[in-house]
């Protein structure tokens, strides 16, 4: 059961990374210069994690966790940029809904905000 919890949160990171790459490649139209960007999220330590079992079904677990990830990129403006990830899962036997928010704080102080969700069957 412990591996399922870790897998769902790791999967959230992978999906968030994929979404962020797509988002980064679609530059805002107001930008003075369009730029292609590649970056990856390194999964970091879990800062806090709370879980509850409502007891309505076997293996039903509701999880809320906060994790500090790190962005790596060949682009110096995006390399070693922290990402604070707030994730929530509602799982039965390792399957269910996963959602969350993430905040990437860039070196110049700008912040990029992300929202993600999916159903893990």
Protein backbone atom coordinates (compact mmCIF):
# COMPACT_ATOMS: atom_id res chain seq x y z
CA UNK A 1 0.00 0.00 0.00
CA UNK A 2 2.90 2.40 0.69
CA UNK A 3 4.18 2.00 -2.87
CA UNK A 4 0.77 2.98 -4.30
CA UNK A 5 0.81 6.26 -2.39
CA UNK A 6 4.31 7.09 -3.55
CA UNK A 7 3.49 6.09 -7.13
CA UNK A 8 0.40 8.32 -7.35
CA UNK A 9 2.31 11.36 -6.10
CA UNK A 10 5.27 10.58 -8.38
CA UNK A 11 2.83 10.18 -11.27
CA UNK A 12 1.41 13.59 -10.39
CA UNK A 13 4.90 15.05 -10.71
CA UNK A 14 5.44 13.40 -14.10
CA UNK A 15 2.10 14.68 -15.39
CA UNK A 16 2.75 18.14 -13.98
CA UNK A 17 6.14 18.15 -15.72
CA UNK A 18 4.59 17.13 -19.05
CA UNK A 19 1.90 19.83 -18.70
CA UNK A 20 4.49 22.44 -17.77
CA UNK A 21 6.64 21.62 -20.80
CA UNK A 22 3.62 22.06 -23.09
CA UNK A 23 2.69 25.29 -21.30
CA UNK A 24 6.25 26.61 -21.59
CA UNK A 25 6.35 25.91 -25.32
CA UNK A 26 3.16 27.89 -25.92
CA UNK A 27 4.60 31.35 -25.28
CA UNK A 28 2.20 34.21 -24.50
CA UNK A 29 1.38 36.34 -27.54
CA UNK A 30 2.39 39.49 -25.67
CA UNK A 31 5.98 38.27 -25.34
CA UNK A 32 8.55 40.38 -27.18
CA UNK A 33 10.56 37.32 -28.17
CA UNK A 34 9.36 33.76 -28.65
CA UNK A 35 11.64 31.16 -27.15
CA UNK A 36 11.68 27.38 -27.07
CA UNK A 37 12.32 25.96 -23.63
CA UNK A 38 13.01 22.50 -22.29
CA UNK A 39 13.03 21.71 -18.60
CA UNK A 40 12.40 18.84 -16.22
CA UNK A 41 11.17 18.49 -12.67
CA UNK A 42 13.31 16.62 -10.19
CA UNK A 43 11.02 15.14 -7.55
CA UNK A 44 12.03 16.51 -4.19
CA UNK A 45 11.30 15.72 -0.58
CA UNK A 46 7.77 15.54 0.80
CA UNK A 47 7.42 18.44 3.24
CA UNK A 48 4.10 17.31 4.69
CA UNK A 49 1.68 14.46 4.08
CA UNK A 50 -1.68 13.73 5.64
CA UNK A 51 -3.88 10.77 4.81
CA UNK A 52 -7.29 9.61 5.94
CA UNK A 53 -9.25 6.41 5.40
CA UNK A 54 -12.99 7.21 5.40
CA UNK A 55 -13.86 3.54 5.98
CA UNK A 56 -16.59 3.41 3.33
CA UNK A 57 -14.66 1.02 1.05
CA UNK A 58 -11.60 -1.17 1.54
CA UNK A 59 -8.34 0.61 0.57
CA UNK A 60 -10.07 4.03 0.24
CA UNK A 61 -7.57 6.74 1.08
CA UNK A 62 -7.64 10.53 0.82
CA UNK A 63 -4.16 12.11 0.72
CA UNK A 64 -2.92 15.68 0.84
CA UNK A 65 0.80 16.31 0.45
CA UNK A 66 3.21 19.18 -0.12
CA UNK A 67 6.49 18.53 -1.89
CA UNK A 68 9.48 20.73 -2.84
CA UNK A 69 10.65 19.88 -6.37
CA UNK A 70 13.44 21.42 -8.43
CA UNK A 71 13.46 22.47 -12.09
CA UNK A 72 16.49 21.56 -14.20
CA UNK A 73 17.07 23.08 -17.62
CA UNK A 74 19.85 24.02 -20.02
CA UNK A 75 18.35 27.54 -19.84
CA UNK A 76 20.06 29.33 -16.90
CA UNK A 77 16.85 31.29 -16.13
CA UNK A 78 15.00 28.00 -15.51
CA UNK A 79 17.79 25.85 -14.09
CA UNK A 80 17.67 25.10 -10.35
CA UNK A 81 14.33 26.87 -9.89
CA UNK A 82 12.22 25.53 -6.97
CA UNK A 83 8.67 24.26 -7.43
CA UNK A 84 6.30 23.95 -4.47
CA UNK A 85 3.75 21.23 -5.27
CA UNK A 86 0.44 20.86 -3.37
CA UNK A 87 -1.21 17.55 -4.31
CA UNK A 88 -4.46 15.84 -3.36
CA UNK A 89 -5.50 12.26 -4.11
CA UNK A 90 -8.74 10.35 -3.55
CA UNK A 91 -7.81 6.72 -4.21
CA UNK A 92 -9.42 3.33 -3.85
CA UNK A 93 -6.90 0.53 -4.24
CA UNK A 94 -4.43 2.95 -5.83
CA UNK A 95 -6.87 4.30 -8.47
CA UNK A 96 -8.93 7.48 -8.41
CA UNK A 97 -8.60 11.23 -8.80
CA UNK A 98 -5.35 13.17 -8.44
CA UNK A 99 -5.18 16.95 -8.53
CA UNK A 100 -3.11 19.81 -7.27
CA UNK A 101 -1.45 23.14 -7.62
CA UNK A 102 2.19 24.05 -8.05
CA UNK A 103 4.13 27.29 -7.82
CA UNK A 104 7.48 27.75 -9.56
CA UNK A 105 9.45 30.71 -8.14
CA UNK A 106 11.91 32.00 -10.72
CA UNK A 107 15.29 33.52 -9.87
CA UNK A 108 14.04 37.05 -10.57
CA UNK A 109 11.09 36.57 -8.19
CA UNK A 110 8.44 35.95 -10.86
CA UNK A 111 6.07 33.07 -10.16
CA UNK A 112 4.45 30.58 -12.50
CA UNK A 113 1.26 28.93 -11.21
CA UNK A 114 0.00 25.52 -12.37
CA UNK A 115 -3.15 23.52 -11.80
CA UNK A 116 -3.44 19.84 -12.71
CA UNK A 117 -5.95 17.01 -12.35
CA UNK A 118 -6.72 13.62 -13.84
CA UNK A 119 -8.38 10.31 -13.08
CA UNK A 120 -5.98 7.43 -12.52
CA UNK A 121 -7.80 4.22 -13.46
